[in-house]
Amino acid sequence: AGGGAIVQAAGTDAWAGIRSGIARILGRGES
């Protein structure tokens, strides 16, 4: 569902929030 959400959000108003949230999750606190 997460992979689908990324693809679904690209190009929409949701992109900025999804983009930063996924990066935060996968980054695990490392900039």
mmCIF file of all heavy atoms, coordinates in Angstrom:
data_MODEL
# 
_entry.id   MODEL 
# 
loop_
_atom_site.group_PDB 
_atom_site.id 
_atom_site.type_symbol 
_atom_site.label_atom_id 
_atom_site.label_alt_id 
_atom_site.label_comp_id 
_atom_site.label_asym_id 
_atom_site.label_entity_id 
_atom_site.label_seq_id 
_atom_site.pdbx_PDB_ins_code 
_atom_site.Cartn_x 
_atom_site.Cartn_y 
_atom_site.Cartn_z 
_atom_site.occupancy 
_atom_site.B_iso_or_equiv 
_atom_site.pdbx_formal_charge 
_atom_site.auth_seq_id 
_atom_site.auth_comp_id 
_atom_site.auth_asym_id 
_atom_site.auth_atom_id 
_atom_site.pdbx_PDB_model_num 
ATOM 1   N N   . ALA A 1 1  ? 0.831  -1.205 0.000  1.00 0.00 ? 1  ALA A N   1 
ATOM 2   C CA  . ALA A 1 1  ? 0.000  0.000  0.000  1.00 0.00 ? 1  ALA A CA  1 
ATOM 3   C C   . ALA A 1 1  ? 0.871  1.262  0.000  1.00 0.00 ? 1  ALA A C   1 
ATOM 4   O O   . ALA A 1 1  ? 0.541  2.254  -0.651 1.00 0.00 ? 1  ALA A O   1 
ATOM 5   C CB  . ALA A 1 1  ? -0.928 0.002  1.210  1.00 0.00 ? 1  ALA A CB  1 
ATOM 6   N N   . GLY A 1 2  ? 2.002  1.202  0.704  1.00 0.00 ? 2  GLY A N   1 
ATOM 7   C CA  . GLY A 1 2  ? 2.932  2.336  0.717  1.00 0.00 ? 2  GLY A CA  1 
ATOM 8   C C   . GLY A 1 2  ? 3.525  2.589  -0.654 1.00 0.00 ? 2  GLY A C   1 
ATOM 9   O O   . GLY A 1 2  ? 3.602  3.733  -1.108 1.00 0.00 ? 2  GLY A O   1 
ATOM 10  N N   . GLY A 1 3  ? 3.938  1.522  -1.334 1.00 0.00 ? 3  GLY A N   1 
ATOM 11  C CA  . GLY A 1 3  ? 4.466  1.673  -2.693 1.00 0.00 ? 3  GLY A CA  1 
ATOM 12  C C   . GLY A 1 3  ? 3.419  2.253  -3.628 1.00 0.00 ? 3  GLY A C   1 
ATOM 13  O O   . GLY A 1 3  ? 3.706  3.132  -4.439 1.00 0.00 ? 3  GLY A O   1 
ATOM 14  N N   . GLY A 1 4  ? 2.192  1.772  -3.489 1.00 0.00 ? 4  GLY A N   1 
ATOM 15  C CA  . GLY A 1 4  ? 1.109  2.294  -4.310 1.00 0.00 ? 4  GLY A CA  1 
ATOM 16  C C   . GLY A 1 4  ? 0.801  3.748  -4.001 1.00 0.00 ? 4  GLY A C   1 
ATOM 17  O O   . GLY A 1 4  ? 0.510  4.540  -4.899 1.00 0.00 ? 4  GLY A O   1 
ATOM 18  N N   . ALA A 1 5  ? 0.882  4.115  -2.726 1.00 0.00 ? 5  ALA A N   1 
ATOM 19  C CA  . ALA A 1 5  ? 0.607  5.495  -2.327 1.00 0.00 ? 5  ALA A CA  1 
ATOM 20  C C   . ALA A 1 5  ? 1.631  6.458  -2.917 1.00 0.00 ? 5  ALA A C   1 
ATOM 21  O O   . ALA A 1 5  ? 1.283  7.573  -3.319 1.00 0.00 ? 5  ALA A O   1 
ATOM 22  C CB  . ALA A 1 5  ? 0.594  5.611  -0.804 1.00 0.00 ? 5  ALA A CB  1 
ATOM 23  N N   . ILE A 1 6  ? 2.875  6.027  -2.971 1.00 0.00 ? 6  ILE A N   1 
ATOM 24  C CA  . ILE A 1 6  ? 3.920  6.871  -3.553 1.00 0.00 ? 6  ILE A CA  1 
ATOM 25  C C   . ILE A 1 6  ? 3.607  7.152  -5.014 1.00 0.00 ? 6  ILE A C   1 
ATOM 26  O O   . ILE A 1 6  ? 3.631  8.306  -5.457 1.00 0.00 ? 6  ILE A O   1 
ATOM 27  C CB  . ILE A 1 6  ? 5.308  6.207  -3.398 1.00 0.00 ? 6  ILE A CB  1 
ATOM 28  C CG1 . ILE A 1 6  ? 5.709  6.179  -1.927 1.00 0.00 ? 6  ILE A CG1 1 
ATOM 29  C CG2 . ILE A 1 6  ? 6.358  6.932  -4.250 1.00 0.00 ? 6  ILE A CG2 1 
ATOM 30  C CD1 . ILE A 1 6  ? 6.891  5.284  -1.615 1.00 0.00 ? 6  ILE A CD1 1 
ATOM 31  N N   . VAL A 1 7  ? 3.287  6.105  -5.758 1.00 0.00 ? 7  VAL A N   1 
ATOM 32  C CA  . VAL A 1 7  ? 2.983  6.254  -7.182 1.00 0.00 ? 7  VAL A CA  1 
ATOM 33  C C   . VAL A 1 7  ? 1.706  7.067  -7.366 1.00 0.00 ? 7  VAL A C   1 
ATOM 34  O O   . VAL A 1 7  ? 1.631  7.939  -8.228 1.00 0.00 ? 7  VAL A O   1 
ATOM 35  C CB  . VAL A 1 7  ? 2.872  4.863  -7.849 1.00 0.00 ? 7  VAL A CB  1 
ATOM 36  C CG1 . VAL A 1 7  ? 2.319  4.956  -9.250 1.00 0.00 ? 7  VAL A CG1 1 
ATOM 37  C CG2 . VAL A 1 7  ? 4.241  4.189  -7.851 1.00 0.00 ? 7  VAL A CG2 1 
ATOM 38  N N   . GLN A 1 8  ? 0.716  6.806  -6.535 1.00 0.00 ? 8  GLN A N   1 
ATOM 39  C CA  . GLN A 1 8  ? -0.557 7.507  -6.621 1.00 0.00 ? 8  GLN A CA  1 
ATOM 40  C C   . GLN A 1 8  ? -0.406 8.999  -6.327 1.00 0.00 ? 8  GLN A C   1 
ATOM 41  O O   . GLN A 1 8  ? -1.064 9.829  -6.954 1.00 0.00 ? 8  GLN A O   1 
ATOM 42  C CB  . GLN A 1 8  ? -1.536 6.880  -5.626 1.00 0.00 ? 8  GLN A CB  1 
ATOM 43  C CG  . GLN A 1 8  ? -2.901 7.524  -5.556 1.00 0.00 ? 8  GLN A CG  1 
ATOM 44  C CD  . GLN A 1 8  ? -3.774 6.883  -4.484 1.00 0.00 ? 8  GLN A CD  1 
ATOM 45  O OE1 . GLN A 1 8  ? -3.286 6.277  -3.529 1.00 0.00 ? 8  GLN A OE1 1 
ATOM 46  N NE2 . GLN A 1 8  ? -5.069 7.015  -4.640 1.00 0.00 ? 8  GLN A NE2 1 
ATOM 47  N N   . ALA A 1 9  ? 0.453  9.344  -5.386 1.00 0.00 ? 9  ALA A N   1 
ATOM 48  C CA  . ALA A 1 9  ? 0.583  10.739 -4.957 1.00 0.00 ? 9  ALA A CA  1 
ATOM 49  C C   . ALA A 1 9  ? 1.432  11.586 -5.900 1.00 0.00 ? 9  ALA A C   1 
ATOM 50  O O   . ALA A 1 9  ? 1.276  12.807 -5.930 1.00 0.00 ? 9  ALA A O   1 
ATOM 51  C CB  . ALA A 1 9  ? 1.180  10.795 -3.551 1.00 0.00 ? 9  ALA A CB  1 
ATOM 52  N N   . ALA A 1 10 ? 2.324  10.962 -6.654 1.00 0.00 ? 10 ALA A N   1 
ATOM 53  C CA  . ALA A 1 10 ? 3.210  11.735 -7.548 1.00 0.00 ? 10 ALA A CA  1 
ATOM 54  C C   . ALA A 1 10 ? 2.373  12.582 -8.496 1.00 0.00 ? 10 ALA A C   1 
ATOM 55  O O   . ALA A 1 10 ? 1.444  12.098 -9.127 1.00 0.00 ? 10 ALA A O   1 
ATOM 56  C CB  . ALA A 1 10 ? 4.113  10.786 -8.329 1.00 0.00 ? 10 ALA A CB  1 
ATOM 57  N N   . GLY A 1 11 ? 2.692  13.856 -8.559 1.00 0.00 ? 11 GLY A N   1 
ATOM 58  C CA  . GLY A 1 11 ? 1.980  14.755 -9.455 1.00 0.00 ? 11 GLY A CA  1 
ATOM 59  C C   . GLY A 1 11 ? 0.681  15.297 -8.893 1.00 0.00 ? 11 GLY A C   1 
ATOM 60  O O   . GLY A 1 11 ? -0.057 15.973 -9.601 1.00 0.00 ? 11 GLY A O   1 
ATOM 61  N N   . THR A 1 12 ? 0.385  15.010 -7.625 1.00 0.00 ? 12 THR A N   1 
ATOM 62  C CA  . THR A 1 12 ? -0.838 15.525 -7.009 1.00 0.00 ? 12 THR A CA  1 
ATOM 63  C C   . THR A 1 12 ? -0.477 16.463 -5.855 1.00 0.00 ? 12 THR A C   1 
ATOM 64  O O   . THR A 1 12 ? 0.690  16.602 -5.488 1.00 0.00 ? 12 THR A O   1 
ATOM 65  C CB  . THR A 1 12 ? -1.719 14.383 -6.451 1.00 0.00 ? 12 THR A CB  1 
ATOM 66  O OG1 . THR A 1 12 ? -1.057 13.807 -5.308 1.00 0.00 ? 12 THR A OG1 1 
ATOM 67  C CG2 . THR A 1 12 ? -1.977 13.306 -7.495 1.00 0.00 ? 12 THR A CG2 1 
ATOM 68  N N   . ASP A 1 13 ? -1.510 17.058 -5.271 1.00 0.00 ? 13 ASP A N   1 
ATOM 69  C CA  . ASP A 1 13 ? -1.295 17.936 -4.119 1.00 0.00 ? 13 ASP A CA  1 
ATOM 70  C C   . ASP A 1 13 ? -0.758 17.176 -2.910 1.00 0.00 ? 13 ASP A C   1 
ATOM 71  O O   . ASP A 1 13 ? -0.168 17.769 -2.016 1.00 0.00 ? 13 ASP A O   1 
ATOM 72  C CB  . ASP A 1 13 ? -2.603 18.635 -3.731 1.00 0.00 ? 13 ASP A CB  1 
ATOM 73  C CG  . ASP A 1 13 ? -3.072 19.635 -4.779 1.00 0.00 ? 13 ASP A CG  1 
ATOM 74  O OD1 . ASP A 1 13 ? -2.238 20.066 -5.608 1.00 0.00 ? 13 ASP A OD1 1 
ATOM 75  O OD2 . ASP A 1 13 ? -4.262 19.987 -4.766 1.00 0.00 ? 13 ASP A OD2 1 
ATOM 76  N N   . ALA A 1 14 ? -0.955 15.872 -2.877 1.00 0.00 ? 14 ALA A N   1 
ATOM 77  C CA  . ALA A 1 14 ? -0.486 15.054 -1.756 1.00 0.00 ? 14 ALA A CA  1 
ATOM 78  C C   . ALA A 1 14 ? 1.015  14.786 -1.813 1.00 0.00 ? 14 ALA A C   1 
ATOM 79  O O   . ALA A 1 14 ? 1.601  14.337 -0.826 1.00 0.00 ? 14 ALA A O   1 
ATOM 80  C CB  . ALA A 1 14 ? -1.241 13.727 -1.730 1.00 0.00 ? 14 ALA A CB  1 
ATOM 81  N N   . TRP A 1 15 ? 1.655  15.060 -2.934 1.00 0.00 ? 15 TRP A N   1 
ATOM 82  C CA  . TRP A 1 15 ? 3.039  14.653 -3.146 1.00 0.00 ? 15 TRP A CA  1 
ATOM 83  C C   . TRP A 1 15 ? 3.997  15.179 -2.084 1.00 0.00 ? 15 TRP A C   1 
ATOM 84  O O   . TRP A 1 15 ? 4.816  14.424 -1.556 1.00 0.00 ? 15 TRP A O   1 
ATOM 85  C CB  . TRP A 1 15 ? 3.510  15.055 -4.542 1.00 0.00 ? 15 TRP A CB  1 
ATOM 86  C CG  . TRP A 1 15 ? 4.944  14.691 -4.795 1.00 0.00 ? 15 TRP A CG  1 
ATOM 87  C CD1 . TRP A 1 15 ? 5.988  15.544 -4.984 1.00 0.00 ? 15 TRP A CD1 1 
ATOM 88  C CD2 . TRP A 1 15 ? 5.505  13.374 -4.870 1.00 0.00 ? 15 TRP A CD2 1 
ATOM 89  N NE1 . TRP A 1 15 ? 7.150  14.839 -5.182 1.00 0.00 ? 15 TRP A NE1 1 
ATOM 90  C CE2 . TRP A 1 15 ? 6.882  13.507 -5.113 1.00 0.00 ? 15 TRP A CE2 1 
ATOM 91  C CE3 . TRP A 1 15 ? 4.970  12.101 -4.753 1.00 0.00 ? 15 TRP A CE3 1 
ATOM 92  C CZ2 . TRP A 1 15 ? 7.726  12.408 -5.245 1.00 0.00 ? 15 TRP A CZ2 1 
ATOM 93  C CZ3 . TRP A 1 15 ? 5.814  11.006 -4.877 1.00 0.00 ? 15 TRP A CZ3 1 
ATOM 94  C CH2 . TRP A 1 15 ? 7.177  11.172 -5.126 1.00 0.00 ? 15 TRP A CH2 1 
ATOM 95  N N   . ALA A 1 16 ? 3.931  16.445 -1.764 1.00 0.00 ? 16 ALA A N   1 
ATOM 96  C CA  . ALA A 1 16 ? 4.902  17.022 -0.810 1.00 0.00 ? 16 ALA A CA  1 
ATOM 97  C C   . ALA A 1 16 ? 4.857  16.299 0.532  1.00 0.00 ? 16 ALA A C   1 
ATOM 98  O O   . ALA A 1 16 ? 5.903  15.953 1.099  1.00 0.00 ? 16 ALA A O   1 
ATOM 99  C CB  . ALA A 1 16 ? 4.649  18.515 -0.628 1.00 0.00 ? 16 ALA A CB  1 
ATOM 100 N N   . GLY A 1 17 ? 3.661  16.032 1.038  1.00 0.00 ? 17 GLY A N   1 
ATOM 101 C CA  . GLY A 1 17 ? 3.540  15.360 2.326  1.00 0.00 ? 17 GLY A CA  1 
ATOM 102 C C   . GLY A 1 17 ? 3.977  13.910 2.272  1.00 0.00 ? 17 GLY A C   1 
ATOM 103 O O   . GLY A 1 17 ? 4.666  13.424 3.177  1.00 0.00 ? 17 GLY A O   1 
ATOM 104 N N   . ILE A 1 18 ? 3.592  13.211 1.206  1.00 0.00 ? 18 ILE A N   1 
ATOM 105 C CA  . ILE A 1 18 ? 3.973  11.804 1.057  1.00 0.00 ? 18 ILE A CA  1 
ATOM 106 C C   . ILE A 1 18 ? 5.480  11.706 0.862  1.00 0.00 ? 18 ILE A C   1 
ATOM 107 O O   . ILE A 1 18 ? 6.151  10.868 1.469  1.00 0.00 ? 18 ILE A O   1 
ATOM 108 C CB  . ILE A 1 18 ? 3.226  11.154 -0.125 1.00 0.00 ? 18 ILE A CB  1 
ATOM 109 C CG1 . ILE A 1 18 ? 1.712  11.228 0.072  1.00 0.00 ? 18 ILE A CG1 1 
ATOM 110 C CG2 . ILE A 1 18 ? 3.706  9.727  -0.366 1.00 0.00 ? 18 ILE A CG2 1 
ATOM 111 C CD1 . ILE A 1 18 ? 1.213  10.584 1.344  1.00 0.00 ? 18 ILE A CD1 1 
ATOM 112 N N   . ARG A 1 19 ? 6.014  12.564 0.017  1.00 0.00 ? 19 ARG A N   1 
ATOM 113 C CA  . ARG A 1 19 ? 7.455  12.573 -0.279 1.00 0.00 ? 19 ARG A CA  1 
ATOM 114 C C   . ARG A 1 19 ? 8.265  12.748 1.002  1.00 0.00 ? 19 ARG A C   1 
ATOM 115 O O   . ARG A 1 19 ? 9.183  11.978 1.289  1.00 0.00 ? 19 ARG A O   1 
ATOM 116 C CB  . ARG A 1 19 ? 7.750  13.697 -1.274 1.00 0.00 ? 19 ARG A CB  1 
ATOM 117 C CG  . ARG A 1 19 ? 9.198  13.877 -1.625 1.00 0.00 ? 19 ARG A CG  1 
ATOM 118 C CD  . ARG A 1 19 ? 9.332  15.082 -2.590 1.00 0.00 ? 19 ARG A CD  1 
ATOM 119 N NE  . ARG A 1 19 ? 10.694 15.351 -2.924 1.00 0.00 ? 19 ARG A NE  1 
ATOM 120 C CZ  . ARG A 1 19 ? 11.479 16.220 -2.273 1.00 0.00 ? 19 ARG A CZ  1 
ATOM 121 N NH1 . ARG A 1 19 ? 11.001 16.907 -1.237 1.00 0.00 ? 19 ARG A NH1 1 
ATOM 122 N NH2 . ARG A 1 19 ? 12.726 16.402 -2.645 1.00 0.00 ? 19 ARG A NH2 1 
ATOM 123 N N   . SER A 1 20 ? 7.934  13.765 1.785  1.00 0.00 ? 20 SER A N   1 
ATOM 124 C CA  . SER A 1 20 ? 8.715  14.022 3.003  1.00 0.00 ? 20 SER A CA  1 
ATOM 125 C C   . SER A 1 20 ? 8.497  12.930 4.043  1.00 0.00 ? 20 SER A C   1 
ATOM 126 O O   . SER A 1 20 ? 9.442  12.530 4.741  1.00 0.00 ? 20 SER A O   1 
ATOM 127 C CB  . SER A 1 20 ? 8.382  15.394 3.583  1.00 0.00 ? 20 SER A CB  1 
ATOM 128 O OG  . SER A 1 20 ? 7.027  15.458 3.989  1.00 0.00 ? 20 SER A OG  1 
ATOM 129 N N   . GLY A 1 21 ? 7.280  12.396 4.140  1.00 0.00 ? 21 GLY A N   1 
ATOM 130 C CA  . GLY A 1 21 ? 7.004  11.338 5.105  1.00 0.00 ? 21 GLY A CA  1 
ATOM 131 C C   . GLY A 1 21 ? 7.747  10.049 4.792  1.00 0.00 ? 21 GLY A C   1 
ATOM 132 O O   . GLY A 1 21 ? 8.320  9.417  5.683  1.00 0.00 ? 21 GLY A O   1 
ATOM 133 N N   . ILE A 1 22 ? 7.736  9.655  3.532  1.00 0.00 ? 22 ILE A N   1 
ATOM 134 C CA  . ILE A 1 22 ? 8.453  8.429  3.127  1.00 0.00 ? 22 ILE A CA  1 
ATOM 135 C C   . ILE A 1 22 ? 9.957  8.606  3.333  1.00 0.00 ? 22 ILE A C   1 
ATOM 136 O O   . ILE A 1 22 ? 10.641 7.709  3.835  1.00 0.00 ? 22 ILE A O   1 
ATOM 137 C CB  . ILE A 1 22 ? 8.128  8.054  1.668  1.00 0.00 ? 22 ILE A CB  1 
ATOM 138 C CG1 . ILE A 1 22 ? 6.655  7.653  1.526  1.00 0.00 ? 22 ILE A CG1 1 
ATOM 139 C CG2 . ILE A 1 22 ? 9.054  6.950  1.154  1.00 0.00 ? 22 ILE A CG2 1 
ATOM 140 C CD1 . ILE A 1 22 ? 6.257  6.375  2.232  1.00 0.00 ? 22 ILE A CD1 1 
ATOM 141 N N   . ALA A 1 23 ? 10.478 9.768  2.969  1.00 0.00 ? 23 ALA A N   1 
ATOM 142 C CA  . ALA A 1 23 ? 11.915 10.022 3.157  1.00 0.00 ? 23 ALA A CA  1 
ATOM 143 C C   . ALA A 1 23 ? 12.283 9.972  4.639  1.00 0.00 ? 23 ALA A C   1 
ATOM 144 O O   . ALA A 1 23 ? 13.324 9.420  5.011  1.00 0.00 ? 23 ALA A O   1 
ATOM 145 C CB  . ALA A 1 23 ? 12.296 11.374 2.550  1.00 0.00 ? 23 ALA A CB  1 
ATOM 146 N N   . ARG A 1 24 ? 11.416 10.515 5.481  1.00 0.00 ? 24 ARG A N   1 
ATOM 147 C CA  . ARG A 1 24 ? 11.664 10.500 6.930  1.00 0.00 ? 24 ARG A CA  1 
ATOM 148 C C   . ARG A 1 24 ? 11.662 9.058  7.446  1.00 0.00 ? 24 ARG A C   1 
ATOM 149 O O   . ARG A 1 24 ? 12.535 8.655  8.223  1.00 0.00 ? 24 ARG A O   1 
ATOM 150 C CB  . ARG A 1 24 ? 10.613 11.341 7.648  1.00 0.00 ? 24 ARG A CB  1 
ATOM 151 C CG  . ARG A 1 24 ? 10.837 11.476 9.147  1.00 0.00 ? 24 ARG A CG  1 
ATOM 152 C CD  . ARG A 1 24 ? 9.756  12.316 9.830  1.00 0.00 ? 24 ARG A CD  1 
ATOM 153 N NE  . ARG A 1 24 ? 8.439  11.705 9.695  1.00 0.00 ? 24 ARG A NE  1 
ATOM 154 C CZ  . ARG A 1 24 ? 7.462  12.152 8.901  1.00 0.00 ? 24 ARG A CZ  1 
ATOM 155 N NH1 . ARG A 1 24 ? 7.633  13.226 8.171  1.00 0.00 ? 24 ARG A NH1 1 
ATOM 156 N NH2 . ARG A 1 24 ? 6.301  11.520 8.831  1.00 0.00 ? 24 ARG A NH2 1 
ATOM 157 N N   . ILE A 1 25 ? 10.681 8.262  7.002  1.00 0.00 ? 25 ILE A N   1 
ATOM 158 C CA  . ILE A 1 25 ? 10.590 6.871  7.449  1.00 0.00 ? 25 ILE A CA  1 
ATOM 159 C C   . ILE A 1 25 ? 11.821 6.084  7.014  1.00 0.00 ? 25 ILE A C   1 
ATOM 160 O O   . ILE A 1 25 ? 12.435 5.378  7.811  1.00 0.00 ? 25 ILE A O   1 
ATOM 161 C CB  . ILE A 1 25 ? 9.297  6.216  6.902  1.00 0.00 ? 25 ILE A CB  1 
ATOM 162 C CG1 . ILE A 1 25 ? 8.078  6.751  7.659  1.00 0.00 ? 25 ILE A CG1 1 
ATOM 163 C CG2 . ILE A 1 25 ? 9.367  4.688  6.992  1.00 0.00 ? 25 ILE A CG2 1 
ATOM 164 C CD1 . ILE A 1 25 ? 6.743  6.329  7.053  1.00 0.00 ? 25 ILE A CD1 1 
ATOM 165 N N   . LEU A 1 26 ? 12.183 6.183  5.742  1.00 0.00 ? 26 LEU A N   1 
ATOM 166 C CA  . LEU A 1 26 ? 13.313 5.409  5.234  1.00 0.00 ? 26 LEU A CA  1 
ATOM 167 C C   . LEU A 1 26 ? 14.656 5.968  5.685  1.00 0.00 ? 26 LEU A C   1 
ATOM 168 O O   . LEU A 1 26 ? 15.627 5.220  5.793  1.00 0.00 ? 26 LEU A O   1 
ATOM 169 C CB  . LEU A 1 26 ? 13.252 5.326  3.710  1.00 0.00 ? 26 LEU A CB  1 
ATOM 170 C CG  . LEU A 1 26 ? 12.120 4.454  3.155  1.00 0.00 ? 26 LEU A CG  1 
ATOM 171 C CD1 . LEU A 1 26 ? 11.973 4.647  1.653  1.00 0.00 ? 26 LEU A CD1 1 
ATOM 172 C CD2 . LEU A 1 26 ? 12.375 2.993  3.488  1.00 0.00 ? 26 LEU A CD2 1 
ATOM 173 N N   . GLY A 1 27 ? 14.722 7.262  5.953  1.00 0.00 ? 27 GLY A N   1 
ATOM 174 C CA  . GLY A 1 27 ? 15.968 7.887  6.398  1.00 0.00 ? 27 GLY A CA  1 
ATOM 175 C C   . GLY A 1 27 ? 16.334 7.553  7.832  1.00 0.00 ? 27 GLY A C   1 
ATOM 176 O O   . GLY A 1 27 ? 17.493 7.650  8.227  1.00 0.00 ? 27 GLY A O   1 
ATOM 177 N N   . ARG A 1 28 ? 15.317 7.184  8.634  1.00 0.00 ? 28 ARG A N   1 
ATOM 178 C CA  . ARG A 1 28 ? 15.522 6.776  10.026 1.00 0.00 ? 28 ARG A CA  1 
ATOM 179 C C   . ARG A 1 28 ? 16.345 7.765  10.839 1.00 0.00 ? 28 ARG A C   1 
ATOM 180 O O   . ARG A 1 28 ? 17.200 7.394  11.634 1.00 0.00 ? 28 ARG A O   1 
ATOM 181 C CB  . ARG A 1 28 ? 16.145 5.385  10.120 1.00 0.00 ? 28 ARG A CB  1 
ATOM 182 C CG  . ARG A 1 28 ? 15.437 4.291  9.376  1.00 0.00 ? 28 ARG A CG  1 
ATOM 183 C CD  . ARG A 1 28 ? 13.986 4.020  9.731  1.00 0.00 ? 28 ARG A CD  1 
ATOM 184 N NE  . ARG A 1 28 ? 13.760 3.832  11.141 1.00 0.00 ? 28 ARG A NE  1 
ATOM 185 C CZ  . ARG A 1 28 ? 12.743 4.385  11.802 1.00 0.00 ? 28 ARG A CZ  1 
ATOM 186 N NH1 . ARG A 1 28 ? 11.883 5.156  11.191 1.00 0.00 ? 28 ARG A NH1 1 
ATOM 187 N NH2 . ARG A 1 28 ? 12.582 4.164  13.080 1.00 0.00 ? 28 ARG A NH2 1 
ATOM 188 N N   . GLY A 1 29 ? 16.109 9.061  10.628 1.00 0.00 ? 29 GLY A N   1 
ATOM 189 C CA  . GLY A 1 29 ? 16.756 10.078 11.434 1.00 0.00 ? 29 GLY A CA  1 
ATOM 190 C C   . GLY A 1 29 ? 18.128 10.506 10.962 1.00 0.00 ? 29 GLY A C   1 
ATOM 191 O O   . GLY A 1 29 ? 18.766 11.341 11.596 1.00 0.00 ? 29 GLY A O   1 
ATOM 192 N N   . GLU A 1 30 ? 18.606 9.946  9.872  1.00 0.00 ? 30 GLU A N   1 
ATOM 193 C CA  . GLU A 1 30 ? 19.906 10.327 9.325  1.00 0.00 ? 30 GLU A CA  1 
ATOM 194 C C   . GLU A 1 30 ? 19.676 11.248 8.132  1.00 0.00 ? 30 GLU A C   1 
ATOM 195 O O   . GLU A 1 30 ? 19.088 10.835 7.125  1.00 0.00 ? 30 GLU A O   1 
ATOM 196 C CB  . GLU A 1 30 ? 20.691 9.089  8.895  1.00 0.00 ? 30 GLU A CB  1 
ATOM 197 C CG  . GLU A 1 30 ? 21.048 8.172  10.046 1.00 0.00 ? 30 GLU A CG  1 
ATOM 198 C CD  . GLU A 1 30 ? 21.800 6.937  9.580  1.00 0.00 ? 30 GLU A CD  1 
ATOM 199 O OE1 . GLU A 1 30 ? 22.452 6.992  8.505  1.00 0.00 ? 30 GLU A OE1 1 
ATOM 200 O OE2 . GLU A 1 30 ? 21.717 5.915  10.269 1.00 0.00 ? 30 GLU A OE2 1 
ATOM 201 N N   . SER A 1 31 ? 20.160 12.467 8.233  1.00 0.00 ? 31 SER A N   1 
ATOM 202 C CA  . SER A 1 31 ? 19.876 13.460 7.193  1.00 0.00 ? 31 SER A CA  1 
ATOM 203 C C   . SER A 1 31 ? 20.424 13.058 5.820  1.00 0.00 ? 31 SER A C   1 
ATOM 204 O O   . SER A 1 31 ? 19.782 13.308 4.803  1.00 0.00 ? 31 SER A O   1 
ATOM 205 C CB  . SER A 1 31 ? 20.407 14.839 7.595  1.00 0.00 ? 31 SER A CB  1 
ATOM 206 O OG  . SER A 1 31 ? 21.812 14.791 7.759  1.00 0.00 ? 31 SER A OG  1 
# 
